[in-house]
Amino acid sequence: MDKLLVDLNKIAIAEGLEDIEKIRQDSTVVETNIHYPTNNALVWDCIKESHRLLKQLEQEVNELDVRDYTHGAKKTFYKINVTKSGDKRIDLFQKQLIIFTKCINQVSNVIKKKSSCSFTAIGIIVALEHLLPILLQVYSMTERREIKKETVPNNEKIFSIYEQHTDIIVKGSREVQFGHKINLTTGKSNLVLSCEVLRGNPADTTLYKIRSKK
């Protein structure tokens, strides 16, 4: 991407379209395609995804017997959604985390066995190995926030188990967005001279100051 932009800049300058003496810089947000990341929804996503992979593995490994935790978890998920606060909500989260623990243990036990199996099964086990630390992270941040009532820093959170690179972006008084902050530089012809996908949510003024010194 950087090489392409450099080549485009060279062509634009050679054709007289740009002189890079006058540039404009601004940032925007490109949202990732995720649902709003509540702790309740993330736990439910983890339980669903682990069960989906385990059921696929069960079809490949005859001796594997997968326990389905989605039925009870789904009921608790909906109950939490309509319970806004108080001890009742904490009780529901405790119940859901017990189910989630069983789900995590099942995934961990399957990974540890690693019996000889087909290439398809090996691929599923690799996917479960990748999923396991995500399950543990979601469990930890949910327990801390919903049970212990701690404030969990954004850099210790995950906002989607499917789009794990997603950042939380807050710009002024506008609504919170989930995706990536993009820093754009354009010239007099409105050609995009530079495009950076940033990590986190650096302040616009900080971005400008850093680049104005170059």
C-alpha atoms as a PDB file:
ATOM      1  CA  MET A   1       0.000   0.000   0.000  1.00  0.00           C
ATOM      2  CA  ASP A   2       2.780   2.462   0.942  1.00  0.00           C
ATOM      3  CA  LYS A   3       4.710   1.702  -2.249  1.00  0.00           C
ATOM      4  CA  LEU A   4       1.582   2.264  -4.343  1.00  0.00           C
ATOM      5  CA  LEU A   5       0.962   5.659  -2.724  1.00  0.00           C
ATOM      6  CA  VAL A   6       4.606   6.678  -3.239  1.00  0.00           C
ATOM      7  CA  ASP A   7       4.375   5.779  -6.923  1.00  0.00           C
ATOM      8  CA  LEU A   8       1.100   7.695  -7.281  1.00  0.00           C
ATOM      9  CA  ASN A   9       2.670  10.725  -5.592  1.00  0.00           C
ATOM     10  CA  LYS A  10       5.590  10.650  -8.008  1.00  0.00           C
ATOM     11  CA  ILE A  11       3.257  10.505 -11.011  1.00  0.00           C
ATOM     12  CA  ALA A  12       1.047  13.305  -9.639  1.00  0.00           C
ATOM     13  CA  ILE A  13       4.074  15.551  -9.043  1.00  0.00           C
ATOM     14  CA  ALA A  14       5.540  14.770 -12.473  1.00  0.00           C
ATOM     15  CA  GLU A  15       2.202  15.618 -14.133  1.00  0.00           C
ATOM     16  CA  GLY A  16       1.939  18.867 -12.198  1.00  0.00           C
ATOM     17  CA  LEU A  17      -1.141  17.786 -10.279  1.00  0.00           C
ATOM     18  CA  GLU A  18       0.614  18.017  -6.913  1.00  0.00           C
ATOM     19  CA  ASP A  19       3.508  19.996  -5.509  1.00  0.00           C
ATOM     20  CA  ILE A  20       3.174  18.690  -1.883  1.00  0.00           C
ATOM     21  CA  GLU A  21       3.742  22.256  -0.622  1.00  0.00           C
ATOM     22  CA  LYS A  22       0.139  22.511   0.496  1.00  0.00           C
ATOM     23  CA  ILE A  23      -1.414  19.476   2.117  1.00  0.00           C
ATOM     24  CA  ARG A  24      -4.431  18.760   4.274  1.00  0.00           C
ATOM     25  CA  GLN A  25      -4.552  16.199   7.009  1.00  0.00           C
ATOM     26  CA  ASP A  26      -7.572  14.684   8.729  1.00  0.00           C
ATOM     27  CA  SER A  27      -8.593  11.507  10.476  1.00  0.00           C
ATOM     28  CA  THR A  28     -11.717   9.419  10.264  1.00  0.00           C
ATOM     29  CA  VAL A  29     -12.964   6.081  11.507  1.00  0.00           C
ATOM     30  CA  VAL A  30     -13.571   2.960   9.453  1.00  0.00           C
ATOM     31  CA  GLU A  31     -15.841   0.690  11.460  1.00  0.00           C
ATOM     32  CA  THR A  32     -15.432  -3.065  11.503  1.00  0.00           C
ATOM     33  CA  ASN A  33     -18.440  -5.261  10.817  1.00  0.00           C
ATOM     34  CA  ILE A  34     -19.271  -6.297  14.385  1.00  0.00           C
ATOM     35  CA  HIS A  35     -22.252  -6.135  16.705  1.00  0.00           C
ATOM     36  CA  TYR A  36     -22.112  -3.788  19.689  1.00  0.00           C
ATOM     37  CA  PRO A  37     -19.625  -5.506  22.040  1.00  0.00           C
ATOM     38  CA  THR A  38     -21.310  -5.947  25.405  1.00  0.00           C
ATOM     39  CA  ASN A  39     -19.728  -8.415  27.830  1.00  0.00           C
ATOM     40  CA  ASN A  40     -22.889 -10.497  27.684  1.00  0.00           C
ATOM     41  CA  ALA A  41     -22.776 -10.720  23.890  1.00  0.00           C
ATOM     42  CA  LEU A  42     -19.066 -11.558  23.840  1.00  0.00           C
ATOM     43  CA  VAL A  43     -19.498 -14.434  26.297  1.00  0.00           C
ATOM     44  CA  TRP A  44     -22.363 -15.764  24.193  1.00  0.00           C
ATOM     45  CA  ASP A  45     -20.242 -15.461  21.021  1.00  0.00           C
ATOM     46  CA  CYS A  46     -17.472 -17.465  22.710  1.00  0.00           C
ATOM     47  CA  ILE A  47     -19.821 -20.247  23.765  1.00  0.00           C
ATOM     48  CA  LYS A  48     -21.417 -20.432  20.304  1.00  0.00           C
ATOM     49  CA  GLU A  49     -18.119 -20.396  18.419  1.00  0.00           C
ATOM     50  CA  SER A  50     -16.447 -23.011  20.604  1.00  0.00           C
ATOM     51  CA  HIS A  51     -19.467 -25.303  20.235  1.00  0.00           C
ATOM     52  CA  ARG A  52     -19.510 -24.794  16.455  1.00  0.00           C
ATOM     53  CA  LEU A  53     -15.876 -25.864  16.161  1.00  0.00           C
ATOM     54  CA  LEU A  54     -16.282 -28.770  18.582  1.00  0.00           C
ATOM     55  CA  LYS A  55     -19.287 -30.120  16.668  1.00  0.00           C
ATOM     56  CA  GLN A  56     -17.255 -29.979  13.460  1.00  0.00           C
ATOM     57  CA  LEU A  57     -14.455 -31.861  15.202  1.00  0.00           C
ATOM     58  CA  GLU A  58     -16.911 -34.434  16.543  1.00  0.00           C
ATOM     59  CA  GLN A  59     -17.816 -35.325  12.962  1.00  0.00           C
ATOM     60  CA  GLU A  60     -14.145 -36.012  12.214  1.00  0.00           C
ATOM     61  CA  VAL A  61     -13.200 -37.847  15.418  1.00  0.00           C
ATOM     62  CA  ASN A  62     -15.496 -40.759  16.218  1.00  0.00           C
ATOM     63  CA  GLU A  63     -14.575 -41.149  19.893  1.00  0.00           C
ATOM     64  CA  LEU A  64     -15.191 -37.488  20.651  1.00  0.00           C
ATOM     65  CA  ASP A  65     -18.369 -36.717  22.625  1.00  0.00           C
ATOM     66  CA  VAL A  66     -19.144 -33.004  22.741  1.00  0.00           C
ATOM     67  CA  ARG A  67     -21.322 -31.520  25.465  1.00  0.00           C
ATOM     68  CA  ASP A  68     -23.692 -28.795  24.245  1.00  0.00           C
ATOM     69  CA  TYR A  69     -23.706 -25.765  26.562  1.00  0.00           C
ATOM     70  CA  THR A  70     -25.479 -23.416  24.177  1.00  0.00           C
ATOM     71  CA  HIS A  71     -29.071 -24.130  25.273  1.00  0.00           C
ATOM     72  CA  GLY A  72     -28.698 -22.994  28.867  1.00  0.00           C
ATOM     73  CA  ALA A  73     -26.325 -20.195  27.884  1.00  0.00           C
ATOM     74  CA  LYS A  74     -28.780 -18.804  25.341  1.00  0.00           C
ATOM     75  CA  LYS A  75     -31.549 -18.502  27.941  1.00  0.00           C
ATOM     76  CA  THR A  76     -29.219 -16.752  30.371  1.00  0.00           C
ATOM     77  CA  PHE A  77     -27.972 -14.449  27.612  1.00  0.00           C
ATOM     78  CA  TYR A  78     -31.513 -13.188  26.941  1.00  0.00           C
ATOM     79  CA  LYS A  79     -32.251 -12.805  30.652  1.00  0.00           C
ATOM     80  CA  ILE A  80     -29.129 -10.685  31.134  1.00  0.00           C
ATOM     81  CA  ASN A  81     -30.173  -8.496  28.202  1.00  0.00           C
ATOM     82  CA  VAL A  82     -33.414  -7.514  29.936  1.00  0.00           C
ATOM     83  CA  THR A  83     -31.879  -7.166  33.411  1.00  0.00           C
ATOM     84  CA  LYS A  84     -30.223  -3.763  33.549  1.00  0.00           C
ATOM     85  CA  SER A  85     -28.672  -3.649  37.016  1.00  0.00           C
ATOM     86  CA  GLY A  86     -28.650  -4.950  40.590  1.00  0.00           C
ATOM     87  CA  ASP A  87     -27.913  -8.240  42.303  1.00  0.00           C
ATOM     88  CA  LYS A  88     -30.129 -10.155  39.880  1.00  0.00           C
ATOM     89  CA  ARG A  89     -27.861  -9.202  36.982  1.00  0.00           C
ATOM     90  CA  ILE A  90     -24.765 -10.232  38.937  1.00  0.00           C
ATOM     91  CA  ASP A  91     -26.388 -13.585  39.746  1.00  0.00           C
ATOM     92  CA  LEU A  92     -27.144 -14.149  36.067  1.00  0.00           C
ATOM     93  CA  PHE A  93     -23.585 -13.334  35.063  1.00  0.00           C
ATOM     94  CA  GLN A  94     -22.259 -15.715  37.710  1.00  0.00           C
ATOM     95  CA  LYS A  95     -24.503 -18.430  36.287  1.00  0.00           C
ATOM     96  CA  GLN A  96     -23.349 -17.677  32.739  1.00  0.00           C
ATOM     97  CA  LEU A  97     -19.690 -17.706  33.753  1.00  0.00           C
ATOM     98  CA  ILE A  98     -20.130 -21.149  35.318  1.00  0.00           C
ATOM     99  CA  ILE A  99     -21.433 -22.408  31.966  1.00  0.00           C
ATOM    100  CA  PHE A 100     -18.631 -20.537  30.208  1.00  0.00           C
ATOM    101  CA  THR A 101     -16.033 -22.214  32.474  1.00  0.00           C
ATOM    102  CA  LYS A 102     -17.367 -25.643  31.493  1.00  0.00           C
ATOM    103  CA  CYS A 103     -17.160 -24.606  27.859  1.00  0.00           C
ATOM    104  CA  ILE A 104     -13.554 -23.398  28.264  1.00  0.00           C
ATOM    105  CA  ASN A 105     -12.572 -26.632  30.056  1.00  0.00           C
ATOM    106  CA  GLN A 106     -14.073 -28.720  27.276  1.00  0.00           C
ATOM    107  CA  VAL A 107     -12.085 -26.831  24.638  1.00  0.00           C
ATOM    108  CA  SER A 108      -8.900 -27.121  26.710  1.00  0.00           C
ATOM    109  CA  ASN A 109      -9.338 -30.870  27.234  1.00  0.00           C
ATOM    110  CA  VAL A 110      -9.921 -31.498  23.531  1.00  0.00           C
ATOM    111  CA  ILE A 111      -6.770 -29.567  22.645  1.00  0.00           C
ATOM    112  CA  LYS A 112      -4.687 -31.516  25.172  1.00  0.00           C
ATOM    113  CA  LYS A 113      -5.724 -34.902  23.748  1.00  0.00           C
ATOM    114  CA  LYS A 114      -4.666 -34.190  20.159  1.00  0.00           C
ATOM    115  CA  SER A 115      -5.325 -37.749  19.047  1.00  0.00           C
ATOM    116  CA  SER A 116      -4.277 -38.801  15.554  1.00  0.00           C
ATOM    117  CA  CYS A 117      -6.902 -37.605  13.130  1.00  0.00           C
ATOM    118  CA  SER A 118      -7.541 -36.249   9.657  1.00  0.00           C
ATOM    119  CA  PHE A 119      -6.094 -33.044   8.218  1.00  0.00           C
ATOM    120  CA  THR A 120      -9.517 -31.452   8.609  1.00  0.00           C
ATOM    121  CA  ALA A 121      -9.577 -32.327  12.281  1.00  0.00           C
ATOM    122  CA  ILE A 122      -6.060 -30.942  12.755  1.00  0.00           C
ATOM    123  CA  GLY A 123      -7.220 -27.669  11.193  1.00  0.00           C
ATOM    124  CA  ILE A 124     -10.149 -27.479  13.617  1.00  0.00           C
ATOM    125  CA  ILE A 125      -7.870 -28.175  16.595  1.00  0.00           C
ATOM    126  CA  VAL A 126      -5.573 -25.360  15.461  1.00  0.00           C
ATOM    127  CA  ALA A 127      -8.618 -23.062  15.329  1.00  0.00           C
ATOM    128  CA  LEU A 128      -9.537 -24.130  18.878  1.00  0.00           C
ATOM    129  CA  GLU A 129      -5.969 -23.447  20.042  1.00  0.00           C
ATOM    130  CA  HIS A 130      -6.275 -19.946  18.624  1.00  0.00           C
ATOM    131  CA  LEU A 131      -9.697 -19.487  20.230  1.00  0.00           C
ATOM    132  CA  LEU A 132      -8.740 -20.642  23.745  1.00  0.00           C
ATOM    133  CA  PRO A 133      -6.769 -17.523  24.829  1.00  0.00           C
ATOM    134  CA  ILE A 134      -9.621 -15.374  23.495  1.00  0.00           C
ATOM    135  CA  LEU A 135     -12.090 -17.321  25.643  1.00  0.00           C
ATOM    136  CA  LEU A 136      -9.886 -16.753  28.669  1.00  0.00           C
ATOM    137  CA  GLN A 137      -9.559 -13.041  27.928  1.00  0.00           C
ATOM    138  CA  VAL A 138     -13.323 -12.578  27.552  1.00  0.00           C
ATOM    139  CA  TYR A 139     -13.901 -14.529  30.767  1.00  0.00           C
ATOM    140  CA  SER A 140     -11.399 -12.391  32.668  1.00  0.00           C
ATOM    141  CA  MET A 141     -12.712  -9.016  31.523  1.00  0.00           C
ATOM    142  CA  THR A 142     -16.330 -10.069  32.086  1.00  0.00           C
ATOM    143  CA  GLU A 143     -15.668 -11.331  35.601  1.00  0.00           C
ATOM    144  CA  ARG A 144     -13.722  -8.188  36.485  1.00  0.00           C
ATOM    145  CA  ARG A 145     -16.346  -5.800  35.144  1.00  0.00           C
ATOM    146  CA  GLU A 146     -19.653  -7.551  35.855  1.00  0.00           C
ATOM    147  CA  ILE A 147     -18.876  -9.435  39.081  1.00  0.00           C
ATOM    148  CA  LYS A 148     -16.050  -7.514  40.732  1.00  0.00           C
ATOM    149  CA  LYS A 149     -17.202  -4.136  39.327  1.00  0.00           C
ATOM    150  CA  GLU A 150     -13.680  -3.185  38.275  1.00  0.00           C
ATOM    151  CA  THR A 151     -12.878  -0.720  35.521  1.00  0.00           C
ATOM    152  CA  VAL A 152     -11.136  -2.681  32.770  1.00  0.00           C
ATOM    153  CA  PRO A 153      -8.703  -0.588  30.656  1.00  0.00           C
ATOM    154  CA  ASN A 154      -9.490  -0.555  26.927  1.00  0.00           C
ATOM    155  CA  ASN A 155      -6.105  -2.067  26.095  1.00  0.00           C
ATOM    156  CA  GLU A 156      -7.060  -5.162  28.112  1.00  0.00           C
ATOM    157  CA  LYS A 157     -10.398  -5.597  26.349  1.00  0.00           C
ATOM    158  CA  ILE A 158     -11.426  -7.425  23.233  1.00  0.00           C
ATOM    159  CA  PHE A 159     -14.336  -6.020  21.234  1.00  0.00           C
ATOM    160  CA  SER A 160     -14.993  -8.925  18.875  1.00  0.00           C
ATOM    161  CA  ILE A 161     -13.864 -12.536  18.883  1.00  0.00           C
ATOM    162  CA  TYR A 162     -14.088 -12.524  15.078  1.00  0.00           C
ATOM    163  CA  GLU A 163     -12.456  -9.132  14.349  1.00  0.00           C
ATOM    164  CA  GLN A 164      -9.937  -9.105  17.174  1.00  0.00           C
ATOM    165  CA  HIS A 165      -8.002  -6.170  15.738  1.00  0.00           C
ATOM    166  CA  THR A 166     -10.942  -3.828  16.414  1.00  0.00           C
ATOM    167  CA  ASP A 167     -10.184  -0.701  18.451  1.00  0.00           C
ATOM    168  CA  ILE A 168     -12.590   1.510  20.395  1.00  0.00           C
ATOM    169  CA  ILE A 169     -12.652   5.052  19.009  1.00  0.00           C
ATOM    170  CA  VAL A 170     -14.089   8.075  20.826  1.00  0.00           C
ATOM    171  CA  LYS A 171     -14.030  11.409  18.964  1.00  0.00           C
ATOM    172  CA  GLY A 172     -15.224  14.305  21.083  1.00  0.00           C
ATOM    173  CA  SER A 173     -18.868  14.073  22.095  1.00  0.00           C
ATOM    174  CA  ARG A 174     -19.765  11.749  19.233  1.00  0.00           C
ATOM    175  CA  GLU A 175     -20.928   8.183  19.704  1.00  0.00           C
ATOM    176  CA  VAL A 176     -18.365   5.506  20.438  1.00  0.00           C
ATOM    177  CA  GLN A 177     -17.250   3.669  17.301  1.00  0.00           C
ATOM    178  CA  PHE A 178     -15.508   0.330  16.897  1.00  0.00           C
ATOM    179  CA  GLY A 179     -12.985  -0.144  14.126  1.00  0.00           C
ATOM    180  CA  HIS A 180      -9.802   1.701  13.188  1.00  0.00           C
ATOM    181  CA  LYS A 181      -8.758   5.318  13.097  1.00  0.00           C
ATOM    182  CA  ILE A 182      -7.498   6.289   9.645  1.00  0.00           C
ATOM    183  CA  ASN A 183      -5.163   9.244   9.107  1.00  0.00           C
ATOM    184  CA  LEU A 184      -5.426  10.759   5.612  1.00  0.00           C
ATOM    185  CA  THR A 185      -3.269  13.334   3.866  1.00  0.00           C
ATOM    186  CA  THR A 186      -4.461  14.996   0.643  1.00  0.00           C
ATOM    187  CA  GLY A 187      -3.040  17.657  -1.666  1.00  0.00           C
ATOM    188  CA  LYS A 188      -4.475  20.435  -3.836  1.00  0.00           C
ATOM    189  CA  SER A 189      -5.883  17.929  -6.331  1.00  0.00           C
ATOM    190  CA  ASN A 190      -7.628  15.998  -3.511  1.00  0.00           C
ATOM    191  CA  LEU A 191      -5.467  13.001  -4.326  1.00  0.00           C
ATOM    192  CA  VAL A 192      -4.806  10.859  -1.267  1.00  0.00           C
ATOM    193  CA  LEU A 193      -1.078  11.222  -0.648  1.00  0.00           C
ATOM    194  CA  SER A 194      -0.895   9.174   2.530  1.00  0.00           C
ATOM    195  CA  CYS A 195      -3.199   6.767   4.335  1.00  0.00           C
ATOM    196  CA  GLU A 196      -2.301   5.286   7.692  1.00  0.00           C
ATOM    197  CA  VAL A 197      -4.278   2.722   9.659  1.00  0.00           C
ATOM    198  CA  LEU A 198      -3.544   3.612  13.271  1.00  0.00           C
ATOM    199  CA  ARG A 199      -3.528   1.494  16.380  1.00  0.00           C
ATOM    200  CA  GLY A 200      -5.676   2.706  19.257  1.00  0.00           C
ATOM    201  CA  ASN A 201      -7.138   6.197  19.352  1.00  0.00           C
ATOM    202  CA  PRO A 202      -4.338   8.801  19.247  1.00  0.00           C
ATOM    203  CA  ALA A 203      -5.499  12.417  19.443  1.00  0.00           C
ATOM    204  CA  ASP A 204      -5.770  14.244  16.113  1.00  0.00           C
ATOM    205  CA  THR A 205      -3.616  17.101  17.417  1.00  0.00           C
ATOM    206  CA  THR A 206      -0.890  14.650  18.398  1.00  0.00           C
ATOM    207  CA  LEU A 207      -0.913  13.120  14.925  1.00  0.00           C
ATOM    208  CA  TYR A 208      -0.593  16.556  13.315  1.00  0.00           C
ATOM    209  CA  LYS A 209       2.241  17.660  15.580  1.00  0.00           C
ATOM    210  CA  ILE A 210       4.200  14.486  14.987  1.00  0.00           C
ATOM    211  CA  ARG A 211       3.984  14.809  11.208  1.00  0.00           C
ATOM    212  CA  SER A 212       4.534  18.564  11.077  1.00  0.00           C
ATOM    213  CA  LYS A 213       8.021  18.043  12.523  1.00  0.00           C
ATOM    214  CA  LYS A 214       9.059  15.773   9.711  1.00  0.00           C
END
